[in-house]
Amino acid sequence: MMSEAVFFDALRQGLWSAVIMSTPILLVALAAGILVGLVQALTSIQEMTLTFVPKLAAMIAVFWASMGFMTTTLVEYFRQVVVPLIAGY
C-alpha cells in the first residue's frame, strides 16, 4: 500500500522532471518572441504570423536537438521512481 507521502513525492519528482524537460523549449520560445517583437517594433510591421512561424521553427529545432536529453530524463524518472513503486520496493 502506497502512503500519501510516497505518492506526493513521486508526483513532485515527476513535475520537476517535466519542468527540466520543458525549460530549453520555453526559453527559446521566449527569446524568439522577444527578438521578433523587437524587430516588429523597429519596423512597424504588425503581422501575427510573423511572430508565430519563427517561434515555432525555433521550438522545433530545439526540440529536435534536445530529444536525447528529454528521453534520458524521462527514462531515469521512470527507472528511479515509477518502476520501484509499481514493483513495490
C-alpha atoms as a PDB file:
ATOM      1  CA  MET A   1       0.000   0.000   0.000  1.00  0.00           C
ATOM      2  CA  MET A   2       1.375   3.373  -1.033  1.00  0.00           C
ATOM      3  CA  SER A   3       1.172   6.190   1.510  1.00  0.00           C
ATOM      4  CA  GLU A   4       0.260   9.743   0.625  1.00  0.00           C
ATOM      5  CA  ALA A   5       3.805  10.927   1.253  1.00  0.00           C
ATOM      6  CA  VAL A   6       5.238   8.456  -1.262  1.00  0.00           C
ATOM      7  CA  PHE A   7       2.591   9.391  -3.822  1.00  0.00           C
ATOM      8  CA  PHE A   8       3.182  13.128  -3.426  1.00  0.00           C
ATOM      9  CA  ASP A   9       6.953  12.645  -3.566  1.00  0.00           C
ATOM     10  CA  ALA A  10       6.624  10.709  -6.845  1.00  0.00           C
ATOM     11  CA  LEU A  11       4.298  13.408  -8.168  1.00  0.00           C
ATOM     12  CA  ARG A  12       6.723  16.156  -7.121  1.00  0.00           C
ATOM     13  CA  GLN A  13       9.619  14.390  -8.852  1.00  0.00           C
ATOM     14  CA  GLY A  14       7.503  13.914 -11.984  1.00  0.00           C
ATOM     15  CA  LEU A  15       6.557  17.582 -12.107  1.00  0.00           C
ATOM     16  CA  TRP A  16      10.182  18.576 -11.574  1.00  0.00           C
ATOM     17  CA  SER A  17      11.224  16.294 -14.437  1.00  0.00           C
ATOM     18  CA  ALA A  18       8.595  17.956 -16.639  1.00  0.00           C
ATOM     19  CA  VAL A  19       9.965  21.396 -15.740  1.00  0.00           C
ATOM     20  CA  ILE A  20      13.523  20.302 -16.511  1.00  0.00           C
ATOM     21  CA  MET A  21      12.500  18.811 -19.862  1.00  0.00           C
ATOM     22  CA  SER A  22      10.419  21.802 -20.973  1.00  0.00           C
ATOM     23  CA  THR A  23      12.870  24.538 -19.950  1.00  0.00           C
ATOM     24  CA  PRO A  24      15.003  24.581 -23.149  1.00  0.00           C
ATOM     25  CA  ILE A  25      11.950  24.860 -25.414  1.00  0.00           C
ATOM     26  CA  LEU A  26      10.306  27.539 -23.293  1.00  0.00           C
ATOM     27  CA  LEU A  27      13.479  29.624 -23.077  1.00  0.00           C
ATOM     28  CA  VAL A  28      13.948  29.509 -26.849  1.00  0.00           C
ATOM     29  CA  ALA A  29      10.292  30.433 -27.412  1.00  0.00           C
ATOM     30  CA  LEU A  30      10.717  33.382 -25.047  1.00  0.00           C
ATOM     31  CA  ALA A  31      13.922  34.556 -26.739  1.00  0.00           C
ATOM     32  CA  ALA A  32      12.444  34.179 -30.231  1.00  0.00           C
ATOM     33  CA  GLY A  33       9.292  36.037 -29.173  1.00  0.00           C
ATOM     34  CA  ILE A  34      11.286  38.911 -27.726  1.00  0.00           C
ATOM     35  CA  LEU A  35      13.529  39.084 -30.793  1.00  0.00           C
ATOM     36  CA  VAL A  36      10.634  39.043 -33.265  1.00  0.00           C
ATOM     37  CA  GLY A  37       8.716  41.556 -31.149  1.00  0.00           C
ATOM     38  CA  LEU A  38      11.714  43.855 -31.173  1.00  0.00           C
ATOM     39  CA  VAL A  39      12.022  43.554 -34.955  1.00  0.00           C
ATOM     40  CA  GLN A  40       8.300  44.252 -35.326  1.00  0.00           C
ATOM     41  CA  ALA A  41       8.528  47.307 -33.090  1.00  0.00           C
ATOM     42  CA  LEU A  42      11.527  48.652 -35.015  1.00  0.00           C
ATOM     43  CA  THR A  43       9.970  48.126 -38.440  1.00  0.00           C
ATOM     44  CA  SER A  44       6.313  48.834 -37.528  1.00  0.00           C
ATOM     45  CA  ILE A  45       5.254  45.546 -39.129  1.00  0.00           C
ATOM     46  CA  GLN A  46       2.357  44.111 -37.140  1.00  0.00           C
ATOM     47  CA  GLU A  47       1.719  40.719 -38.716  1.00  0.00           C
ATOM     48  CA  MET A  48       0.514  37.949 -36.375  1.00  0.00           C
ATOM     49  CA  THR A  49       2.001  35.106 -38.404  1.00  0.00           C
ATOM     50  CA  LEU A  50       5.398  36.789 -38.288  1.00  0.00           C
ATOM     51  CA  THR A  51       5.637  36.016 -34.561  1.00  0.00           C
ATOM     52  CA  PHE A  52       4.223  32.513 -34.797  1.00  0.00           C
ATOM     53  CA  VAL A  53       6.358  30.976 -37.552  1.00  0.00           C
ATOM     54  CA  PRO A  54       9.833  31.896 -36.217  1.00  0.00           C
ATOM     55  CA  LYS A  55       8.905  30.808 -32.690  1.00  0.00           C
ATOM     56  CA  LEU A  56       7.554  27.510 -33.979  1.00  0.00           C
ATOM     57  CA  ALA A  57      10.657  26.910 -36.092  1.00  0.00           C
ATOM     58  CA  ALA A  58      12.973  27.700 -33.159  1.00  0.00           C
ATOM     59  CA  MET A  59      10.983  25.443 -30.821  1.00  0.00           C
ATOM     60  CA  ILE A  60      11.060  22.561 -33.295  1.00  0.00           C
ATOM     61  CA  ALA A  61      14.815  22.968 -33.771  1.00  0.00           C
ATOM     62  CA  VAL A  62      15.450  22.948 -30.007  1.00  0.00           C
ATOM     63  CA  PHE A  63      13.078  20.021 -29.525  1.00  0.00           C
ATOM     64  CA  TRP A  64      14.952  18.067 -32.180  1.00  0.00           C
ATOM     65  CA  ALA A  65      18.308  18.939 -30.611  1.00  0.00           C
ATOM     66  CA  SER A  66      17.220  18.112 -27.056  1.00  0.00           C
ATOM     67  CA  MET A  67      15.223  14.932 -27.684  1.00  0.00           C
ATOM     68  CA  GLY A  68      18.041  12.778 -26.321  1.00  0.00           C
ATOM     69  CA  PHE A  69      18.205  14.821 -23.120  1.00  0.00           C
ATOM     70  CA  MET A  70      14.435  14.686 -22.688  1.00  0.00           C
ATOM     71  CA  THR A  71      14.305  10.949 -23.298  1.00  0.00           C
ATOM     72  CA  THR A  72      17.124  10.306 -20.835  1.00  0.00           C
ATOM     73  CA  THR A  73      15.429  12.452 -18.184  1.00  0.00           C
ATOM     74  CA  LEU A  74      12.101  10.679 -18.625  1.00  0.00           C
ATOM     75  CA  VAL A  75      13.648   7.191 -18.624  1.00  0.00           C
ATOM     76  CA  GLU A  76      15.603   7.981 -15.451  1.00  0.00           C
ATOM     77  CA  TYR A  77      12.433   9.221 -13.752  1.00  0.00           C
ATOM     78  CA  PHE A  78      10.653   6.006 -14.627  1.00  0.00           C
ATOM     79  CA  ARG A  79      13.606   3.828 -13.576  1.00  0.00           C
ATOM     80  CA  GLN A  80      14.196   5.584 -10.282  1.00  0.00           C
ATOM     81  CA  VAL A  81      10.634   6.452  -9.234  1.00  0.00           C
ATOM     82  CA  VAL A  82       7.805   4.786 -11.135  1.00  0.00           C
ATOM     83  CA  VAL A  83       9.137   1.251 -11.625  1.00  0.00           C
ATOM     84  CA  PRO A  84      10.121   0.800  -7.953  1.00  0.00           C
ATOM     85  CA  LEU A  85       6.655   1.985  -6.912  1.00  0.00           C
ATOM     86  CA  ILE A  86       4.990  -0.473  -9.271  1.00  0.00           C
ATOM     87  CA  ALA A  87       7.278  -3.306  -8.172  1.00  0.00           C
ATOM     88  CA  GLY A  88       6.677  -2.402  -4.528  1.00  0.00           C
ATOM     89  CA  TYR A  89      10.285  -1.829  -3.460  1.00  0.00           C
END
